[in-house]
């Protein structure tokens, strides 16, 4: 999500792994987040969950919301009291909506980018946080380029949940990135995704280098130069521990180690 609103990521989204996602917009009703996920958790479809939220809300003309379940089509709602331009689109696995936009071309561009980016799923799977974060960012960037919020820019956020996908496998929140106050938040968010991929992305098994022979000697020498006896210790200090694999080294980790220990030829 992106908006001319402070810290939009703190108010709009709620996600739960293997359950779904809820977005509350316009005059956001934060209760939608808990209530919507609760209904999705029972197996209620996105459209019915959204209808239930709206029906119970006396201020529904000013509300806007989107709901996506574990599978099937998403659902979107825009009350007739929302500030123009306001509207949304929904389809298989997505719901896109916005208010105070420059026009309908914004959500149309976002939908197009989301659908076109589906080809990324063939790279490393639909459940990958990297893939979903990139797809969500592509949609935000497309909406931004099409006009975005007619008031300007301030904040943007992306949240992805996957069972056991969080840091160290101890939570389900795999990606949770926010730019709370910036004149170009969508661009800044793209930079944060790149950093997330470096520090929290999992290494490509096909690219791993076996840590033996001359490479092992080089790594030991470079580790000694920065005052570490083992790779795990140095990687932990550099926040690269999620990329460690026994008996191997991720090329990205090796590049960072070489960067930290320049040697004269």
C-alpha atoms as a PDB file:
ATOM      1  CA  UNK A   1       0.000   0.000   0.000  1.00  0.00           C
ATOM      2  CA  UNK A   2       1.076   3.596  -0.630  1.00  0.00           C
ATOM      3  CA  UNK A   3      -0.503   6.911   0.345  1.00  0.00           C
ATOM      4  CA  UNK A   4      -0.132  10.581   1.256  1.00  0.00           C
ATOM      5  CA  UNK A   5      -0.635   9.451   4.848  1.00  0.00           C
ATOM      6  CA  UNK A   6       1.828   8.988   7.676  1.00  0.00           C
ATOM      7  CA  UNK A   7       2.893   5.367   8.232  1.00  0.00           C
ATOM      8  CA  UNK A   8       0.198   3.782   6.078  1.00  0.00           C
ATOM      9  CA  UNK A   9       1.579   0.346   6.926  1.00  0.00           C
ATOM     10  CA  UNK A  10       0.603   0.808  10.565  1.00  0.00           C
ATOM     11  CA  UNK A  11      -3.088   1.233   9.776  1.00  0.00           C
ATOM     12  CA  UNK A  12      -4.115  -0.410   6.527  1.00  0.00           C
ATOM     13  CA  UNK A  13      -2.947  -4.062   6.304  1.00  0.00           C
ATOM     14  CA  UNK A  14      -3.464  -7.269   8.246  1.00  0.00           C
ATOM     15  CA  UNK A  15      -2.226 -10.647   7.037  1.00  0.00           C
ATOM     16  CA  UNK A  16      -2.160 -14.177   8.392  1.00  0.00           C
ATOM     17  CA  UNK A  17      -0.314 -17.098   6.854  1.00  0.00           C
ATOM     18  CA  UNK A  18      -2.579 -19.656   5.158  1.00  0.00           C
ATOM     19  CA  UNK A  19      -5.606 -17.500   6.024  1.00  0.00           C
ATOM     20  CA  UNK A  20      -5.601 -14.326   3.958  1.00  0.00           C
ATOM     21  CA  UNK A  21      -5.258 -10.557   4.059  1.00  0.00           C
ATOM     22  CA  UNK A  22      -7.409  -7.525   4.828  1.00  0.00           C
ATOM     23  CA  UNK A  23      -6.843  -3.880   3.905  1.00  0.00           C
ATOM     24  CA  UNK A  24      -8.905  -1.079   5.444  1.00  0.00           C
ATOM     25  CA  UNK A  25      -8.689   2.287   3.680  1.00  0.00           C
ATOM     26  CA  UNK A  26     -10.343   5.701   3.328  1.00  0.00           C
ATOM     27  CA  UNK A  27     -11.583   6.469   6.870  1.00  0.00           C
ATOM     28  CA  UNK A  28      -9.952   3.228   7.965  1.00  0.00           C
ATOM     29  CA  UNK A  29     -11.809   1.023  10.441  1.00  0.00           C
ATOM     30  CA  UNK A  30      -8.978  -0.873  12.098  1.00  0.00           C
ATOM     31  CA  UNK A  31     -11.457  -3.356  13.587  1.00  0.00           C
ATOM     32  CA  UNK A  32     -11.891  -4.722  10.054  1.00  0.00           C
ATOM     33  CA  UNK A  33      -8.436  -6.246  10.324  1.00  0.00           C
ATOM     34  CA  UNK A  34      -9.115  -8.491  13.311  1.00  0.00           C
ATOM     35  CA  UNK A  35     -12.720  -9.221  12.356  1.00  0.00           C
ATOM     36  CA  UNK A  36     -11.911  -9.927   8.722  1.00  0.00           C
ATOM     37  CA  UNK A  37      -9.126 -12.389   9.505  1.00  0.00           C
ATOM     38  CA  UNK A  38     -11.349 -14.088  12.086  1.00  0.00           C
ATOM     39  CA  UNK A  39     -14.000 -14.745   9.434  1.00  0.00           C
ATOM     40  CA  UNK A  40     -11.437 -15.939   6.893  1.00  0.00           C
ATOM     41  CA  UNK A  41     -10.018 -18.292   9.520  1.00  0.00           C
ATOM     42  CA  UNK A  42     -13.369 -20.078   9.727  1.00  0.00           C
ATOM     43  CA  UNK A  43     -13.404 -20.677   5.982  1.00  0.00           C
ATOM     44  CA  UNK A  44     -15.624 -17.742   5.040  1.00  0.00           C
ATOM     45  CA  UNK A  45     -14.888 -16.569   1.493  1.00  0.00           C
ATOM     46  CA  UNK A  46     -13.431 -13.144   0.770  1.00  0.00           C
ATOM     47  CA  UNK A  47     -16.653 -11.683  -0.637  1.00  0.00           C
ATOM     48  CA  UNK A  48     -18.772 -12.889   2.272  1.00  0.00           C
ATOM     49  CA  UNK A  49     -16.221 -11.716   4.837  1.00  0.00           C
ATOM     50  CA  UNK A  50     -16.132  -8.270   3.269  1.00  0.00           C
ATOM     51  CA  UNK A  51     -19.919  -8.107   3.074  1.00  0.00           C
ATOM     52  CA  UNK A  52     -20.107  -8.948   6.777  1.00  0.00           C
ATOM     53  CA  UNK A  53     -17.629  -6.235   7.706  1.00  0.00           C
ATOM     54  CA  UNK A  54     -19.430  -3.584   5.715  1.00  0.00           C
ATOM     55  CA  UNK A  55     -22.943  -4.569   6.788  1.00  0.00           C
ATOM     56  CA  UNK A  56     -22.076  -4.188  10.474  1.00  0.00           C
ATOM     57  CA  UNK A  57     -20.470  -0.771  10.011  1.00  0.00           C
ATOM     58  CA  UNK A  58     -22.762   2.289  10.272  1.00  0.00           C
ATOM     59  CA  UNK A  59     -20.018   4.431   8.690  1.00  0.00           C
ATOM     60  CA  UNK A  60     -19.699   2.179   5.643  1.00  0.00           C
ATOM     61  CA  UNK A  61     -20.270   4.990   3.086  1.00  0.00           C
ATOM     62  CA  UNK A  62     -16.878   6.415   4.074  1.00  0.00           C
ATOM     63  CA  UNK A  63     -15.064   3.072   4.136  1.00  0.00           C
ATOM     64  CA  UNK A  64     -12.967   1.276   1.595  1.00  0.00           C
ATOM     65  CA  UNK A  65     -11.638  -2.224   2.027  1.00  0.00           C
ATOM     66  CA  UNK A  66     -10.178  -5.236   0.273  1.00  0.00           C
ATOM     67  CA  UNK A  67     -10.127  -8.871   1.352  1.00  0.00           C
ATOM     68  CA  UNK A  68      -8.212 -11.847  -0.044  1.00  0.00           C
ATOM     69  CA  UNK A  69      -8.665 -15.384   1.228  1.00  0.00           C
ATOM     70  CA  UNK A  70      -6.371 -18.381   1.105  1.00  0.00           C
ATOM     71  CA  UNK A  71      -7.663 -19.165  -2.380  1.00  0.00           C
ATOM     72  CA  UNK A  72     -10.216 -17.929  -4.866  1.00  0.00           C
ATOM     73  CA  UNK A  73     -11.142 -14.413  -5.923  1.00  0.00           C
ATOM     74  CA  UNK A  74     -10.548 -11.388  -3.740  1.00  0.00           C
ATOM     75  CA  UNK A  75     -13.202  -8.793  -2.962  1.00  0.00           C
ATOM     76  CA  UNK A  76     -13.178  -5.002  -2.823  1.00  0.00           C
ATOM     77  CA  UNK A  77     -15.585  -2.369  -1.499  1.00  0.00           C
ATOM     78  CA  UNK A  78     -15.713   1.406  -1.922  1.00  0.00           C
ATOM     79  CA  UNK A  79     -18.384   3.417  -0.110  1.00  0.00           C
ATOM     80  CA  UNK A  80     -20.110   6.201  -1.996  1.00  0.00           C
ATOM     81  CA  UNK A  81     -18.878   8.707   0.585  1.00  0.00           C
ATOM     82  CA  UNK A  82     -15.184   8.178  -0.153  1.00  0.00           C
ATOM     83  CA  UNK A  83     -13.254  11.115  -1.580  1.00  0.00           C
ATOM     84  CA  UNK A  84     -12.858  10.871  -5.379  1.00  0.00           C
ATOM     85  CA  UNK A  85     -11.422   9.343  -7.327  1.00  0.00           C
ATOM     86  CA  UNK A  86     -12.138   6.151  -5.422  1.00  0.00           C
ATOM     87  CA  UNK A  87     -12.668   2.600  -6.598  1.00  0.00           C
ATOM     88  CA  UNK A  88     -11.165  -0.832  -6.898  1.00  0.00           C
ATOM     89  CA  UNK A  89     -10.785  -4.051  -8.850  1.00  0.00           C
ATOM     90  CA  UNK A  90     -10.538  -7.661  -7.717  1.00  0.00           C
ATOM     91  CA  UNK A  91      -9.747 -11.007  -9.270  1.00  0.00           C
ATOM     92  CA  UNK A  92      -8.214 -14.385  -8.570  1.00  0.00           C
ATOM     93  CA  UNK A  93      -6.096 -13.919  -5.446  1.00  0.00           C
ATOM     94  CA  UNK A  94      -6.052 -10.130  -5.388  1.00  0.00           C
ATOM     95  CA  UNK A  95      -7.984  -7.008  -4.394  1.00  0.00           C
ATOM     96  CA  UNK A  96      -6.788  -3.531  -5.349  1.00  0.00           C
ATOM     97  CA  UNK A  97      -8.439  -0.309  -4.250  1.00  0.00           C
ATOM     98  CA  UNK A  98      -7.614   3.321  -3.629  1.00  0.00           C
ATOM     99  CA  UNK A  99      -9.146   6.686  -2.841  1.00  0.00           C
ATOM    100  CA  UNK A 100      -8.171  10.287  -3.579  1.00  0.00           C
ATOM    101  CA  UNK A 101      -6.370   8.907  -6.630  1.00  0.00           C
ATOM    102  CA  UNK A 102      -5.737  10.801  -9.843  1.00  0.00           C
ATOM    103  CA  UNK A 103      -8.183   8.473 -11.585  1.00  0.00           C
ATOM    104  CA  UNK A 104      -9.180   4.886 -12.423  1.00  0.00           C
ATOM    105  CA  UNK A 105      -5.991   4.475 -14.443  1.00  0.00           C
ATOM    106  CA  UNK A 106      -4.118   4.003 -11.156  1.00  0.00           C
ATOM    107  CA  UNK A 107      -5.844   0.799 -10.075  1.00  0.00           C
ATOM    108  CA  UNK A 108      -5.938  -0.395 -13.698  1.00  0.00           C
ATOM    109  CA  UNK A 109      -2.156  -0.029 -13.934  1.00  0.00           C
ATOM    110  CA  UNK A 110      -1.707  -1.842 -10.628  1.00  0.00           C
ATOM    111  CA  UNK A 111      -3.898  -4.723 -11.725  1.00  0.00           C
ATOM    112  CA  UNK A 112      -2.038  -5.025 -15.003  1.00  0.00           C
ATOM    113  CA  UNK A 113       1.343  -5.047 -13.264  1.00  0.00           C
ATOM    114  CA  UNK A 114       0.171  -7.645 -10.738  1.00  0.00           C
ATOM    115  CA  UNK A 115      -1.097  -9.992 -13.426  1.00  0.00           C
ATOM    116  CA  UNK A 116       1.940  -9.534 -15.662  1.00  0.00           C
ATOM    117  CA  UNK A 117       4.328 -10.171 -12.766  1.00  0.00           C
ATOM    118  CA  UNK A 118       2.789 -13.613 -12.211  1.00  0.00           C
ATOM    119  CA  UNK A 119       5.501 -14.975 -14.502  1.00  0.00           C
ATOM    120  CA  UNK A 120       7.916 -14.517 -11.555  1.00  0.00           C
ATOM    121  CA  UNK A 121       6.177 -17.351  -9.725  1.00  0.00           C
ATOM    122  CA  UNK A 122       7.905 -19.791 -12.030  1.00  0.00           C
ATOM    123  CA  UNK A 123      11.280 -18.677 -10.692  1.00  0.00           C
ATOM    124  CA  UNK A 124      11.114 -19.859  -7.096  1.00  0.00           C
ATOM    125  CA  UNK A 125       7.503 -20.564  -6.237  1.00  0.00           C
ATOM    126  CA  UNK A 126       4.346 -18.623  -5.407  1.00  0.00           C
ATOM    127  CA  UNK A 127       4.968 -18.996  -1.663  1.00  0.00           C
ATOM    128  CA  UNK A 128       8.317 -17.185  -1.794  1.00  0.00           C
ATOM    129  CA  UNK A 129       8.430 -13.936   0.162  1.00  0.00           C
ATOM    130  CA  UNK A 130      10.890 -12.563  -2.374  1.00  0.00           C
ATOM    131  CA  UNK A 131       8.497 -13.188  -5.240  1.00  0.00           C
ATOM    132  CA  UNK A 132       5.437 -11.801  -3.488  1.00  0.00           C
ATOM    133  CA  UNK A 133       7.292  -8.723  -2.244  1.00  0.00           C
ATOM    134  CA  UNK A 134       8.573  -8.018  -5.750  1.00  0.00           C
ATOM    135  CA  UNK A 135       5.115  -8.499  -7.257  1.00  0.00           C
ATOM    136  CA  UNK A 136       3.499  -6.213  -4.697  1.00  0.00           C
ATOM    137  CA  UNK A 137       6.162  -3.583  -5.263  1.00  0.00           C
ATOM    138  CA  UNK A 138       5.712  -3.803  -9.026  1.00  0.00           C
ATOM    139  CA  UNK A 139       2.015  -3.087  -8.574  1.00  0.00           C
ATOM    140  CA  UNK A 140       2.697  -0.140  -6.251  1.00  0.00           C
ATOM    141  CA  UNK A 141       5.274   1.289  -8.648  1.00  0.00           C
ATOM    142  CA  UNK A 142       2.864   0.965 -11.576  1.00  0.00           C
ATOM    143  CA  UNK A 143       0.144   2.778  -9.646  1.00  0.00           C
ATOM    144  CA  UNK A 144       2.594   5.467  -8.630  1.00  0.00           C
ATOM    145  CA  UNK A 145       3.698   5.966 -12.225  1.00  0.00           C
ATOM    146  CA  UNK A 146       0.073   6.176 -13.361  1.00  0.00           C
ATOM    147  CA  UNK A 147      -0.637   9.072 -11.008  1.00  0.00           C
ATOM    148  CA  UNK A 148      -1.064   7.551  -7.555  1.00  0.00           C
ATOM    149  CA  UNK A 149      -2.447   9.631  -4.724  1.00  0.00           C
ATOM    150  CA  UNK A 150      -3.573  12.997  -6.100  1.00  0.00           C
ATOM    151  CA  UNK A 151      -2.280  14.718  -2.933  1.00  0.00           C
ATOM    152  CA  UNK A 152       1.294  13.481  -3.388  1.00  0.00           C
ATOM    153  CA  UNK A 153       3.446  10.860  -1.676  1.00  0.00           C
ATOM    154  CA  UNK A 154       4.351  10.084   1.934  1.00  0.00           C
ATOM    155  CA  UNK A 155       4.431   6.409   2.934  1.00  0.00           C
ATOM    156  CA  UNK A 156       4.363   2.882   1.552  1.00  0.00           C
ATOM    157  CA  UNK A 157       4.486  -0.640   2.974  1.00  0.00           C
ATOM    158  CA  UNK A 158       4.589  -4.318   2.041  1.00  0.00           C
ATOM    159  CA  UNK A 159       3.696  -7.253   4.299  1.00  0.00           C
ATOM    160  CA  UNK A 160       4.009 -10.939   3.360  1.00  0.00           C
ATOM    161  CA  UNK A 161       3.151 -13.855   5.648  1.00  0.00           C
ATOM    162  CA  UNK A 162       4.141 -17.485   5.139  1.00  0.00           C
ATOM    163  CA  UNK A 163       4.028 -20.316   7.656  1.00  0.00           C
ATOM    164  CA  UNK A 164       7.434 -20.400   9.359  1.00  0.00           C
ATOM    165  CA  UNK A 165       8.756 -17.819   6.913  1.00  0.00           C
ATOM    166  CA  UNK A 166       9.891 -15.263   9.506  1.00  0.00           C
ATOM    167  CA  UNK A 167      13.397 -14.693  10.811  1.00  0.00           C
ATOM    168  CA  UNK A 168      14.867 -17.975  11.992  1.00  0.00           C
ATOM    169  CA  UNK A 169      11.566 -19.714  11.303  1.00  0.00           C
ATOM    170  CA  UNK A 170      10.150 -18.369  14.555  1.00  0.00           C
ATOM    171  CA  UNK A 171       7.245 -16.408  13.088  1.00  0.00           C
ATOM    172  CA  UNK A 172       5.004 -16.310  10.026  1.00  0.00           C
ATOM    173  CA  UNK A 173       5.741 -12.692   9.050  1.00  0.00           C
ATOM    174  CA  UNK A 174       8.251 -13.150   6.263  1.00  0.00           C
ATOM    175  CA  UNK A 175       8.431  -9.612   4.882  1.00  0.00           C
ATOM    176  CA  UNK A 176       7.351  -6.506   6.791  1.00  0.00           C
ATOM    177  CA  UNK A 177       8.842  -3.371   5.242  1.00  0.00           C
ATOM    178  CA  UNK A 178       7.679   0.203   5.721  1.00  0.00           C
ATOM    179  CA  UNK A 179       8.652   3.678   4.625  1.00  0.00           C
ATOM    180  CA  UNK A 180       6.680   5.898   6.998  1.00  0.00           C
ATOM    181  CA  UNK A 181       7.529   9.423   5.851  1.00  0.00           C
ATOM    182  CA  UNK A 182       9.375  10.115   2.612  1.00  0.00           C
ATOM    183  CA  UNK A 183       8.703  12.149  -0.550  1.00  0.00           C
ATOM    184  CA  UNK A 184       9.327   9.062  -2.718  1.00  0.00           C
ATOM    185  CA  UNK A 185       8.283   6.121  -0.532  1.00  0.00           C
ATOM    186  CA  UNK A 186       7.701   3.544  -3.276  1.00  0.00           C
ATOM    187  CA  UNK A 187      11.243   3.934  -4.599  1.00  0.00           C
ATOM    188  CA  UNK A 188      12.645   3.745  -1.067  1.00  0.00           C
ATOM    189  CA  UNK A 189      10.576   0.628  -0.465  1.00  0.00           C
ATOM    190  CA  UNK A 190      12.200  -1.012  -3.487  1.00  0.00           C
ATOM    191  CA  UNK A 191      15.595  -0.397  -1.900  1.00  0.00           C
ATOM    192  CA  UNK A 192      14.441  -1.984   1.339  1.00  0.00           C
ATOM    193  CA  UNK A 193      13.330  -5.082  -0.559  1.00  0.00           C
ATOM    194  CA  UNK A 194      16.842  -5.402  -1.981  1.00  0.00           C
ATOM    195  CA  UNK A 195      18.288  -5.217   1.534  1.00  0.00           C
ATOM    196  CA  UNK A 196      15.743  -7.754   2.784  1.00  0.00           C
ATOM    197  CA  UNK A 197      16.782 -10.146   0.021  1.00  0.00           C
ATOM    198  CA  UNK A 198      20.429  -9.764   1.044  1.00  0.00           C
ATOM    199  CA  UNK A 199      19.963 -10.221   4.784  1.00  0.00           C
ATOM    200  CA  UNK A 200      16.948 -12.508   5.030  1.00  0.00           C
ATOM    201  CA  UNK A 201      16.624 -14.214   1.660  1.00  0.00           C
ATOM    202  CA  UNK A 202      17.633 -17.838   1.427  1.00  0.00           C
ATOM    203  CA  UNK A 203      20.629 -18.780  -0.754  1.00  0.00           C
ATOM    204  CA  UNK A 204      20.127 -20.480  -4.094  1.00  0.00           C
ATOM    205  CA  UNK A 205      21.199 -24.128  -3.560  1.00  0.00           C
ATOM    206  CA  UNK A 206      22.491 -24.322  -7.134  1.00  0.00           C
ATOM    207  CA  UNK A 207      24.801 -21.355  -6.568  1.00  0.00           C
ATOM    208  CA  UNK A 208      26.391 -22.496  -3.298  1.00  0.00           C
ATOM    209  CA  UNK A 209      30.157 -22.959  -3.326  1.00  0.00           C
ATOM    210  CA  UNK A 210      31.739 -25.922  -1.539  1.00  0.00           C
ATOM    211  CA  UNK A 211      33.911 -24.623   1.264  1.00  0.00           C
ATOM    212  CA  UNK A 212      37.098 -26.627   0.726  1.00  0.00           C
ATOM    213  CA  UNK A 213      40.476 -26.389  -0.945  1.00  0.00           C
ATOM    214  CA  UNK A 214      41.758 -22.970  -1.955  1.00  0.00           C
ATOM    215  CA  UNK A 215      38.408 -21.333  -1.266  1.00  0.00           C
ATOM    216  CA  UNK A 216      38.433 -22.558   2.346  1.00  0.00           C
ATOM    217  CA  UNK A 217      41.979 -21.241   2.779  1.00  0.00           C
ATOM    218  CA  UNK A 218      40.951 -17.867   1.369  1.00  0.00           C
ATOM    219  CA  UNK A 219      37.901 -17.635   3.615  1.00  0.00           C
ATOM    220  CA  UNK A 220      39.937 -18.526   6.715  1.00  0.00           C
ATOM    221  CA  UNK A 221      42.543 -15.913   5.807  1.00  0.00           C
ATOM    222  CA  UNK A 222      39.945 -13.211   5.305  1.00  0.00           C
ATOM    223  CA  UNK A 223      38.115 -14.139   8.509  1.00  0.00           C
ATOM    224  CA  UNK A 224      41.386 -13.843  10.438  1.00  0.00           C
ATOM    225  CA  UNK A 225      41.896 -10.405   8.928  1.00  0.00           C
ATOM    226  CA  UNK A 226      38.639  -9.216  10.495  1.00  0.00           C
ATOM    227  CA  UNK A 227      39.283 -10.968  13.808  1.00  0.00           C
ATOM    228  CA  UNK A 228      37.041 -14.031  13.457  1.00  0.00           C
ATOM    229  CA  UNK A 229      37.861 -17.708  13.713  1.00  0.00           C
ATOM    230  CA  UNK A 230      34.801 -19.018  11.899  1.00  0.00           C
ATOM    231  CA  UNK A 231      32.350 -17.953   9.246  1.00  0.00           C
ATOM    232  CA  UNK A 232      29.320 -18.215  11.543  1.00  0.00           C
ATOM    233  CA  UNK A 233      30.761 -15.678  13.961  1.00  0.00           C
ATOM    234  CA  UNK A 234      31.539 -13.109  11.276  1.00  0.00           C
ATOM    235  CA  UNK A 235      28.237 -13.683   9.442  1.00  0.00           C
ATOM    236  CA  UNK A 236      26.310 -13.187  12.679  1.00  0.00           C
ATOM    237  CA  UNK A 237      27.972  -9.823  13.284  1.00  0.00           C
ATOM    238  CA  UNK A 238      27.229  -8.785   9.684  1.00  0.00           C
ATOM    239  CA  UNK A 239      23.583  -9.970   9.900  1.00  0.00           C
ATOM    240  CA  UNK A 240      24.125 -12.588   7.199  1.00  0.00           C
ATOM    241  CA  UNK A 241      23.391 -15.633   9.369  1.00  0.00           C
ATOM    242  CA  UNK A 242      20.257 -16.525   7.410  1.00  0.00           C
ATOM    243  CA  UNK A 243      22.484 -17.263   4.411  1.00  0.00           C
ATOM    244  CA  UNK A 244      24.737 -19.808   6.126  1.00  0.00           C
ATOM    245  CA  UNK A 245      24.785 -23.416   4.876  1.00  0.00           C
ATOM    246  CA  UNK A 246      27.019 -26.049   6.480  1.00  0.00           C
ATOM    247  CA  UNK A 247      30.030 -26.944   4.367  1.00  0.00           C
ATOM    248  CA  UNK A 248      29.251 -24.300   1.764  1.00  0.00           C
ATOM    249  CA  UNK A 249      29.296 -20.550   1.284  1.00  0.00           C
ATOM    250  CA  UNK A 250      26.741 -18.378  -0.442  1.00  0.00           C
ATOM    251  CA  UNK A 251      28.380 -16.289  -3.214  1.00  0.00           C
ATOM    252  CA  UNK A 252      26.698 -13.194  -1.721  1.00  0.00           C
ATOM    253  CA  UNK A 253      28.315 -13.905   1.651  1.00  0.00           C
ATOM    254  CA  UNK A 254      31.668 -14.475  -0.034  1.00  0.00           C
ATOM    255  CA  UNK A 255      31.333 -11.174  -1.895  1.00  0.00           C
ATOM    256  CA  UNK A 256      30.592  -9.333   1.353  1.00  0.00           C
ATOM    257  CA  UNK A 257      33.585 -10.974   3.058  1.00  0.00           C
ATOM    258  CA  UNK A 258      35.857  -9.994   0.181  1.00  0.00           C
ATOM    259  CA  UNK A 259      34.462  -6.465   0.287  1.00  0.00           C
ATOM    260  CA  UNK A 260      35.292  -6.263   3.988  1.00  0.00           C
ATOM    261  CA  UNK A 261      38.851  -7.559   3.463  1.00  0.00           C
ATOM    262  CA  UNK A 262      40.341  -5.961   0.340  1.00  0.00           C
ATOM    263  CA  UNK A 263      43.675  -7.479  -0.608  1.00  0.00           C
ATOM    264  CA  UNK A 264      46.329  -5.922  -2.784  1.00  0.00           C
ATOM    265  CA  UNK A 265      47.134  -7.862  -5.902  1.00  0.00           C
END
